[in-house]
């Protein structure tokens, strides 16, 4: 008997009907969205500025710091990261004034800095200038004399002797670790952070040693914070998974180390290839990696921007703005602060006019107007442009929606003359340094002095 011939569509339908139910389920290996946490819109072109309240002014107060806000607005910074503002522990204190990361009370302000009302006034004044304020938060540990030690000793970690202990292997003798296996400490810490968003209207947090606190805590917390207002979260960690649901930005320690090694002659441009390759291949597309020439830890314990980078400093600063990543300025950098600021004592910045203030201001203006330089995921990926001295000269393009930059850095102490392959970088630009129009084509040859850069920009 002749069987009817089925159409292709009918055949597929028949097959689907006769397949086992499990086989009809969605492919469990299908890709999922791994772009990362959803950032607040206002962070798309943001630059972070870190304020060490103790050293920021001779007074060391919120009120005195507030007087600098118009200057910071003129510079163009967007996010003000306030180092911890809480009362500091007295027991086992280091130095005369102690470390701001030894927190005695999570819901109060250090009286040396001012009052709660004065801190709120600082936040309001920053908002009036169009800036946002994130508060440094120490969830991993507290001071020995935090009231929680007596009220909830079960919230703290213990050593092999059953005694309170500082974070293992570090010399942080002025603090003791929480035990995040305890639900109570998790609820308390979340409620305390929500307190500052609701009461002081802060716009997020910088999380100290973020990777030392369980990831699920941060992910639940981010949901609760965003339910109040869109927040920005910066984690002190180099940990990819923090970005999927909890953090907007984390530290680019690998970038800093690569640049420091290049500046000291320990590495060549290959160190940057390694960093940017991992950044593009292994991290969420929306991850903002914070890059910088200085922060409070580097300045206090390792060296100033001048000590670390020497003749490579300008290259380091410029690359932090035009490469992928969210740039950080540590207070005093723009004044060319020449000293390592004391960490446990009063040691105010000596403010002065300095050429770096103009460089930072110009770079922030460029980042703001050129969309290719916006932060992930709004900005453009870097695309390497092969040159004839690849171990000495770092060159790349970023382009998006008619906005583009072509950047060339001589990462060596010798003059370099290079030509370039491919054609992605060809086009009409304006020279960042001179303002002159430049046409780039196959005939272009770049002559670069030691430790210098050439930056060409276009906004069509």
Protein backbone atom coordinates (compact mmCIF):
# COMPACT_ATOMS: atom_id res chain seq x y z
CA UNK A 1 0.00 0.00 0.00
CA UNK A 2 1.40 3.40 -0.97
CA UNK A 3 2.02 5.72 1.99
CA UNK A 4 1.22 9.47 1.71
CA UNK A 5 4.23 11.72 1.30
CA UNK A 6 4.49 14.26 4.16
CA UNK A 7 5.81 17.78 3.77
CA UNK A 8 9.05 18.71 5.54
CA UNK A 9 7.13 20.80 8.09
CA UNK A 10 4.67 18.01 8.80
CA UNK A 11 7.50 15.54 9.18
CA UNK A 12 9.23 17.76 11.76
CA UNK A 13 5.97 18.20 13.66
CA UNK A 14 5.43 14.43 13.70
CA UNK A 15 8.95 13.86 14.97
CA UNK A 16 8.47 16.45 17.72
CA UNK A 17 5.24 14.78 18.85
CA UNK A 18 6.88 11.38 19.10
CA UNK A 19 10.08 12.54 20.83
CA UNK A 20 10.46 11.87 24.56
CA UNK A 21 9.37 14.81 26.74
CA UNK A 22 12.91 15.33 28.10
CA UNK A 23 14.26 15.80 24.58
CA UNK A 24 11.80 18.65 23.97
CA UNK A 25 13.15 20.69 26.89
CA UNK A 26 15.30 23.76 26.16
CA UNK A 27 18.96 23.00 25.56
CA UNK A 28 20.59 23.23 28.97
CA UNK A 29 23.87 24.10 27.26
CA UNK A 30 22.34 27.10 25.51
CA UNK A 31 24.27 30.29 26.35
CA UNK A 32 22.91 32.55 29.07
CA UNK A 33 23.41 36.25 29.63
CA UNK A 34 26.79 36.66 31.32
CA UNK A 35 27.22 40.37 30.62
CA UNK A 36 27.20 41.13 34.33
CA UNK A 37 25.46 43.39 36.84
CA UNK A 38 23.25 46.15 35.45
CA UNK A 39 25.02 49.45 36.01
CA UNK A 40 23.34 52.75 36.89
CA UNK A 41 23.03 54.91 33.79
CA UNK A 42 25.10 57.68 35.37
CA UNK A 43 28.18 55.44 35.51
CA UNK A 44 28.52 55.10 31.72
CA UNK A 45 31.38 57.64 31.43
CA UNK A 46 32.27 57.94 35.11
CA UNK A 47 35.71 58.63 36.56
CA UNK A 48 36.31 57.73 40.22
CA UNK A 49 38.04 60.11 42.64
CA UNK A 50 39.18 58.71 46.01
CA UNK A 51 39.03 60.96 49.08
CA UNK A 52 41.12 60.16 52.17
CA UNK A 53 39.24 62.52 54.49
CA UNK A 54 41.98 62.58 57.12
CA UNK A 55 44.60 63.84 54.66
CA UNK A 56 42.42 65.60 52.07
CA UNK A 57 42.52 68.95 53.90
CA UNK A 58 44.50 70.44 56.77
CA UNK A 59 41.31 70.31 58.87
CA UNK A 60 40.55 66.72 57.90
CA UNK A 61 36.79 67.27 58.02
CA UNK A 62 33.73 66.78 55.81
CA UNK A 63 33.06 70.51 55.91
CA UNK A 64 36.56 71.33 54.64
CA UNK A 65 36.35 68.62 51.98
CA UNK A 66 33.07 70.09 50.77
CA UNK A 67 34.89 73.27 49.79
CA UNK A 68 36.81 71.25 47.16
CA UNK A 69 33.68 70.06 45.36
CA UNK A 70 33.55 72.92 42.82
CA UNK A 71 37.19 72.24 41.93
CA UNK A 72 36.51 68.53 41.48
CA UNK A 73 33.49 69.37 39.35
CA UNK A 74 35.69 71.54 37.11
CA UNK A 75 38.13 68.66 36.80
CA UNK A 76 35.19 66.52 35.67
CA UNK A 77 35.19 63.61 38.14
CA UNK A 78 31.90 61.80 38.67
CA UNK A 79 32.10 59.31 41.55
CA UNK A 80 33.59 60.35 44.90
CA UNK A 81 34.84 57.34 46.85
CA UNK A 82 35.03 58.27 50.52
CA UNK A 83 37.42 56.13 52.56
CA UNK A 84 35.75 54.77 55.73
CA UNK A 85 34.13 57.55 57.72
CA UNK A 86 33.23 55.52 60.84
CA UNK A 87 34.62 55.81 64.37
CA UNK A 88 37.95 53.99 64.67
CA UNK A 89 38.73 51.33 67.25
CA UNK A 90 41.01 52.19 70.19
CA UNK A 91 41.90 48.66 71.27
CA UNK A 92 45.05 47.43 69.50
CA UNK A 93 45.04 50.64 67.45
CA UNK A 94 47.92 51.21 65.06
CA UNK A 95 49.66 54.55 65.36
CA UNK A 96 48.12 57.61 66.98
CA UNK A 97 44.89 57.87 64.99
CA UNK A 98 44.46 54.29 63.81
CA UNK A 99 43.29 52.81 60.55
CA UNK A 100 39.92 53.88 59.13
CA UNK A 101 39.46 50.21 58.20
CA UNK A 102 39.19 49.32 61.92
CA UNK A 103 35.50 50.13 62.40
CA UNK A 104 34.08 50.63 65.88
CA UNK A 105 30.53 51.60 64.88
CA UNK A 106 29.02 50.95 61.45
CA UNK A 107 26.16 53.41 61.89
CA UNK A 108 28.07 56.49 63.08
CA UNK A 109 30.70 58.90 61.79
CA UNK A 110 34.19 59.52 63.10
CA UNK A 111 33.92 62.68 65.25
CA UNK A 112 37.35 63.72 63.98
CA UNK A 113 35.72 64.17 60.56
CA UNK A 114 32.55 65.89 61.73
CA UNK A 115 28.93 65.01 62.42
CA UNK A 116 26.32 62.95 60.63
CA UNK A 117 24.62 66.19 59.59
CA UNK A 118 27.87 67.45 58.08
CA UNK A 119 28.38 64.21 56.16
CA UNK A 120 24.84 64.42 54.81
CA UNK A 121 25.53 68.01 53.79
CA UNK A 122 28.64 66.84 51.92
CA UNK A 123 26.61 64.22 50.03
CA UNK A 124 23.89 66.74 49.19
CA UNK A 125 26.46 69.25 47.97
CA UNK A 126 28.10 66.59 45.77
CA UNK A 127 24.72 65.68 44.30
CA UNK A 128 24.07 69.36 43.60
CA UNK A 129 27.28 69.38 41.56
CA UNK A 130 26.14 66.34 39.58
CA UNK A 131 28.52 63.94 41.35
CA UNK A 132 27.80 60.71 43.20
CA UNK A 133 29.22 59.47 46.51
CA UNK A 134 30.17 55.90 47.37
CA UNK A 135 31.14 54.91 50.89
CA UNK A 136 34.06 52.61 51.71
CA UNK A 137 32.64 49.61 53.56
CA UNK A 138 34.48 47.08 55.71
CA UNK A 139 32.23 44.02 55.89
CA UNK A 140 34.93 41.41 56.50
CA UNK A 141 36.10 42.56 59.93
CA UNK A 142 35.62 45.11 62.70
CA UNK A 143 37.63 46.79 65.43
CA UNK A 144 38.31 44.77 68.58
CA UNK A 145 36.16 47.20 70.58
CA UNK A 146 33.17 47.32 68.27
CA UNK A 147 30.06 46.88 70.42
CA UNK A 148 29.17 43.78 68.41
CA UNK A 149 32.07 41.90 70.03
CA UNK A 150 30.29 41.97 73.39
CA UNK A 151 26.73 41.87 72.05
CA UNK A 152 27.21 39.06 69.52
CA UNK A 153 30.49 37.21 70.09
CA UNK A 154 29.08 34.33 68.03
CA UNK A 155 29.28 36.55 64.94
CA UNK A 156 33.09 36.45 64.98
CA UNK A 157 35.58 33.93 63.62
CA UNK A 158 37.92 32.07 65.97
CA UNK A 159 41.43 30.68 65.78
CA UNK A 160 42.54 27.19 66.84
CA UNK A 161 42.58 28.34 70.45
CA UNK A 162 38.97 29.52 70.26
CA UNK A 163 39.96 33.19 70.41
CA UNK A 164 39.00 36.09 68.13
CA UNK A 165 41.44 36.43 65.28
CA UNK A 166 42.50 38.97 62.65
CA UNK A 167 42.27 38.08 58.98
CA UNK A 168 44.59 35.07 58.49
CA UNK A 169 48.17 35.63 57.28
CA UNK A 170 48.00 39.45 57.26
CA UNK A 171 49.46 41.77 59.90
CA UNK A 172 46.05 43.37 60.56
CA UNK A 173 46.37 43.15 64.32
CA UNK A 174 43.94 46.03 64.88
CA UNK A 175 40.90 44.10 63.58
CA UNK A 176 39.10 40.77 64.00
CA UNK A 177 37.18 38.80 61.37
CA UNK A 178 33.45 38.22 61.21
CA UNK A 179 32.08 34.72 60.62
CA UNK A 180 29.75 35.00 57.61
CA UNK A 181 28.35 31.56 58.30
CA UNK A 182 26.20 33.35 60.87
CA UNK A 183 22.90 34.68 59.50
CA UNK A 184 22.81 37.40 62.14
CA UNK A 185 25.98 39.14 60.98
CA UNK A 186 24.74 39.03 57.39
CA UNK A 187 21.44 40.70 58.31
CA UNK A 188 23.20 43.29 60.46
CA UNK A 189 25.71 44.17 57.75
CA UNK A 190 23.03 44.45 55.06
CA UNK A 191 20.81 46.58 57.29
CA UNK A 192 23.74 48.86 58.10
CA UNK A 193 24.55 49.44 54.44
CA UNK A 194 20.88 50.09 53.67
CA UNK A 195 20.92 52.59 56.54
CA UNK A 196 23.49 54.75 54.77
CA UNK A 197 21.62 54.67 51.47
CA UNK A 198 18.35 55.64 53.12
CA UNK A 199 19.64 58.06 55.75
CA UNK A 200 22.57 59.75 54.00
CA UNK A 201 21.54 59.13 50.37
CA UNK A 202 24.90 57.62 49.41
CA UNK A 203 25.05 56.15 45.91
CA UNK A 204 26.80 52.85 46.59
CA UNK A 205 29.85 51.34 48.20
CA UNK A 206 33.46 50.38 47.75
CA UNK A 207 33.75 46.98 49.43
CA UNK A 208 37.02 46.37 51.25
CA UNK A 209 38.53 42.91 50.60
CA UNK A 210 35.32 42.01 48.79
CA UNK A 211 36.45 38.50 47.87
CA UNK A 212 36.85 37.61 51.56
CA UNK A 213 33.07 37.92 52.01
CA UNK A 214 30.82 35.22 50.50
CA UNK A 215 29.55 36.01 47.02
CA UNK A 216 25.94 35.11 47.81
CA UNK A 217 25.86 37.85 50.47
CA UNK A 218 26.89 40.49 47.94
CA UNK A 219 24.39 39.26 45.37
CA UNK A 220 21.45 39.39 47.80
CA UNK A 221 22.62 42.77 49.09
CA UNK A 222 22.79 44.25 45.58
CA UNK A 223 19.15 43.35 45.01
CA UNK A 224 18.13 45.05 48.26
CA UNK A 225 20.19 48.18 47.56
CA UNK A 226 18.88 48.56 44.03
CA UNK A 227 15.34 48.30 45.39
CA UNK A 228 16.02 51.58 47.22
CA UNK A 229 17.89 53.36 44.41
CA UNK A 230 20.30 52.42 41.60
CA UNK A 231 23.71 52.01 43.24
CA UNK A 232 27.32 51.60 42.12
CA UNK A 233 29.40 48.86 43.72
CA UNK A 234 33.20 48.73 43.56
CA UNK A 235 34.86 45.61 44.95
CA UNK A 236 38.42 45.45 46.17
CA UNK A 237 39.16 42.18 44.43
CA UNK A 238 40.29 40.72 41.14
CA UNK A 239 37.53 38.14 40.94
CA UNK A 240 35.43 37.64 37.83
CA UNK A 241 32.32 36.18 39.48
CA UNK A 242 31.74 39.29 41.60
CA UNK A 243 30.57 41.00 38.42
CA UNK A 244 27.75 38.70 37.37
CA UNK A 245 25.15 40.00 39.81
CA UNK A 246 26.78 42.08 42.54
CA UNK A 247 29.51 44.50 41.47
CA UNK A 248 29.87 47.10 38.75
CA UNK A 249 33.62 47.48 39.10
CA UNK A 250 36.60 45.69 40.63
CA UNK A 251 40.34 46.20 40.76
CA UNK A 252 42.60 45.78 37.75
CA UNK A 253 45.59 44.70 39.82
CA UNK A 254 46.98 42.83 36.83
CA UNK A 255 46.98 46.04 34.81
CA UNK A 256 48.75 48.01 37.54
CA UNK A 257 51.38 45.29 37.97
CA UNK A 258 51.94 45.05 34.22
CA UNK A 259 52.51 48.79 33.92
CA UNK A 260 54.76 48.88 36.99
CA UNK A 261 56.88 46.03 35.61
CA UNK A 262 57.14 47.71 32.20
CA UNK A 263 58.15 51.00 33.81
CA UNK A 264 60.92 49.22 35.77
CA UNK A 265 62.18 47.27 32.78
CA UNK A 266 61.02 43.91 34.17
CA UNK A 267 58.51 43.31 31.35
CA UNK A 268 57.70 44.56 27.88
CA UNK A 269 54.43 45.23 26.06
CA UNK A 270 53.62 41.52 26.23
CA UNK A 271 52.51 42.06 29.83
CA UNK A 272 49.70 44.28 28.57
CA UNK A 273 48.76 41.77 25.88
CA UNK A 274 48.27 39.20 28.63
CA UNK A 275 46.11 41.50 30.75
CA UNK A 276 43.85 42.71 27.97
CA UNK A 277 43.51 39.22 26.48
CA UNK A 278 42.21 37.85 29.78
CA UNK A 279 40.02 40.91 30.29
CA UNK A 280 38.27 40.37 26.96
CA UNK A 281 38.17 36.58 26.98
CA UNK A 282 37.49 35.61 30.59
CA UNK A 283 35.54 38.48 32.18
CA UNK A 284 31.90 39.54 31.70
CA UNK A 285 31.50 42.01 28.85
CA UNK A 286 30.00 44.52 31.26
CA UNK A 287 32.74 44.30 33.89
CA UNK A 288 34.39 47.61 34.71
CA UNK A 289 38.01 47.01 35.75
CA UNK A 290 39.37 49.90 37.81
CA UNK A 291 42.79 51.09 36.62
CA UNK A 292 45.03 53.68 38.23
CA UNK A 293 48.54 54.94 38.87
CA UNK A 294 47.92 55.40 42.60
CA UNK A 295 45.47 54.60 45.41
CA UNK A 296 45.69 54.73 49.19
CA UNK A 297 47.37 51.32 49.52
CA UNK A 298 49.89 51.86 46.73
CA UNK A 299 50.73 55.34 47.95
CA UNK A 300 51.16 54.42 51.62
CA UNK A 301 52.88 51.04 51.36
CA UNK A 302 54.50 50.72 47.93
CA UNK A 303 55.33 54.14 46.55
CA UNK A 304 53.95 57.30 45.00
CA UNK A 305 53.04 57.47 41.34
CA UNK A 306 56.45 59.04 40.71
CA UNK A 307 58.36 56.32 42.57
CA UNK A 308 56.51 53.50 40.83
CA UNK A 309 56.31 54.73 37.27
CA UNK A 310 59.00 57.38 36.84
CA UNK A 311 59.31 58.39 33.20
CA UNK A 312 56.40 56.05 32.32
CA UNK A 313 53.91 57.97 34.48
CA UNK A 314 52.20 59.92 31.68
CA UNK A 315 51.82 56.76 29.60
CA UNK A 316 50.29 55.03 32.62
CA UNK A 317 47.79 57.81 33.30
CA UNK A 318 46.78 58.24 29.66
CA UNK A 319 46.35 54.50 29.09
CA UNK A 320 44.16 54.29 32.21
CA UNK A 321 41.76 56.69 30.49
CA UNK A 322 41.86 55.58 26.86
CA UNK A 323 42.19 51.82 27.33
CA UNK A 324 39.38 49.64 28.64
CA UNK A 325 38.62 50.17 32.30
CA UNK A 326 37.20 52.75 34.69
CA UNK A 327 39.92 55.18 35.80
CA UNK A 328 40.69 56.21 39.37
CA UNK A 329 42.37 59.37 40.64
CA UNK A 330 43.68 59.26 44.21
CA UNK A 331 43.47 62.59 46.03
CA UNK A 332 46.64 64.59 45.61
CA UNK A 333 47.64 63.04 42.29
CA UNK A 334 46.44 66.08 40.41
CA UNK A 335 48.61 68.25 42.67
CA UNK A 336 51.67 66.11 42.02
CA UNK A 337 51.74 65.01 45.67
CA UNK A 338 55.36 63.86 46.10
CA UNK A 339 55.08 61.93 49.36
CA UNK A 340 53.70 58.71 50.78
CA UNK A 341 50.84 59.89 52.97
CA UNK A 342 50.97 58.54 56.51
CA UNK A 343 48.25 55.99 57.12
CA UNK A 344 47.83 56.13 60.91
CA UNK A 345 48.76 59.79 61.50
CA UNK A 346 47.66 63.22 60.27
CA UNK A 347 49.63 64.07 57.14
CA UNK A 348 47.66 66.49 54.97
CA UNK A 349 48.16 66.95 51.25
CA UNK A 350 50.02 70.14 50.27
CA UNK A 351 47.76 71.40 47.49
CA UNK A 352 49.46 73.20 44.61
CA UNK A 353 49.11 73.86 40.90
CA UNK A 354 50.65 71.05 38.88
CA UNK A 355 50.71 70.00 35.24
CA UNK A 356 48.95 66.71 36.08
CA UNK A 357 45.79 68.64 36.97
CA UNK A 358 45.59 69.81 33.36
CA UNK A 359 46.30 66.32 32.03
CA UNK A 360 43.57 64.73 34.16
CA UNK A 361 41.09 67.47 33.22
CA UNK A 362 41.77 67.05 29.50
CA UNK A 363 41.53 63.26 29.68
CA UNK A 364 38.23 63.37 31.58
CA UNK A 365 36.80 65.78 29.01
CA UNK A 366 37.91 63.43 26.21
CA UNK A 367 36.40 60.40 27.96
CA UNK A 368 33.11 62.25 28.44
CA UNK A 369 32.69 63.35 24.82
CA UNK A 370 34.13 60.32 23.02
CA UNK A 371 31.69 57.43 23.36
CA UNK A 372 34.28 54.86 22.35
CA UNK A 373 35.94 55.56 25.73
CA UNK A 374 32.86 55.10 27.86
CA UNK A 375 32.86 52.38 30.48
CA UNK A 376 31.70 48.85 29.78
CA UNK A 377 29.27 48.02 28.32
CA UNK A 378 28.70 51.43 26.71
CA UNK A 379 32.21 51.89 25.33
CA UNK A 380 34.15 50.07 22.62
CA UNK A 381 36.49 47.13 22.83
CA UNK A 382 40.17 47.74 22.17
CA UNK A 383 41.41 46.27 18.89
CA UNK A 384 45.17 45.84 18.61
CA UNK A 385 46.93 47.42 15.65
CA UNK A 386 50.06 45.49 14.75
CA UNK A 387 53.18 47.65 14.52
CA UNK A 388 56.79 46.96 13.62
CA UNK A 389 58.07 47.08 17.23
CA UNK A 390 55.45 45.00 19.10
CA UNK A 391 57.51 44.42 22.23
CA UNK A 392 58.19 48.15 22.65
CA UNK A 393 55.18 49.95 21.20
CA UNK A 394 51.57 49.36 22.22
CA UNK A 395 48.99 50.46 19.65
CA UNK A 396 45.25 50.00 19.38
CA UNK A 397 41.96 51.42 18.13
CA UNK A 398 38.62 51.85 19.88
CA UNK A 399 35.65 52.81 17.72
CA UNK A 400 31.90 53.01 18.23
CA UNK A 401 29.10 54.87 16.43
CA UNK A 402 31.46 57.21 14.62
CA UNK A 403 33.55 57.94 17.72
CA UNK A 404 37.06 56.52 17.70
CA UNK A 405 40.58 56.85 19.03
CA UNK A 406 43.91 55.60 17.74
CA UNK A 407 46.51 55.34 20.51
CA UNK A 408 50.21 54.56 20.26
CA UNK A 409 52.48 54.24 23.33
CA UNK A 410 56.25 53.89 23.36
CA UNK A 411 56.73 51.67 26.42
CA UNK A 412 60.51 51.83 26.33
CA UNK A 413 63.37 54.15 27.19
CA UNK A 414 64.54 54.40 23.57
CA UNK A 415 63.14 56.33 20.63
CA UNK A 416 60.97 54.16 18.38
CA UNK A 417 59.97 54.55 14.73
CA UNK A 418 57.14 52.29 13.67
CA UNK A 419 54.75 51.62 10.85
CA UNK A 420 51.42 49.80 11.12
CA UNK A 421 49.65 46.93 9.39
CA UNK A 422 45.98 46.65 8.42
CA UNK A 423 43.64 49.58 7.85
CA UNK A 424 41.25 49.75 10.79
CA UNK A 425 43.07 52.79 12.17
CA UNK A 426 42.91 54.75 8.92
CA UNK A 427 40.90 57.95 8.90
CA UNK A 428 40.74 61.62 9.83
CA UNK A 429 41.57 62.49 13.44
CA UNK A 430 42.49 65.33 15.73
CA UNK A 431 45.73 65.16 17.70
CA UNK A 432 45.00 65.16 21.45
CA UNK A 433 48.17 67.10 22.28
CA UNK A 434 48.14 69.75 19.52
CA UNK A 435 44.53 69.90 18.34
CA UNK A 436 45.66 69.62 14.72
CA UNK A 437 43.86 67.48 12.18
CA UNK A 438 45.73 64.36 11.13
CA UNK A 439 45.04 61.94 8.30
CA UNK A 440 46.12 58.39 9.00
CA UNK A 441 46.66 56.04 6.07
CA UNK A 442 49.01 53.28 4.95
CA UNK A 443 51.93 55.71 4.64
CA UNK A 444 51.86 56.75 8.31
CA UNK A 445 55.08 56.36 10.29
CA UNK A 446 55.14 57.22 13.98
CA UNK A 447 58.29 58.59 15.58
CA UNK A 448 58.03 58.35 19.36
CA UNK A 449 60.39 59.76 21.97
CA UNK A 450 61.19 57.49 24.95
CA UNK A 451 58.15 56.87 27.16
CA UNK A 452 55.85 58.99 25.02
CA UNK A 453 52.45 58.53 23.42
CA UNK A 454 50.48 59.68 20.41
CA UNK A 455 46.74 59.95 20.84
CA UNK A 456 44.42 60.70 17.92
CA UNK A 457 40.69 61.18 18.42
CA UNK A 458 37.56 61.62 16.32
CA UNK A 459 33.90 62.25 17.15
CA UNK A 460 31.93 62.15 13.87
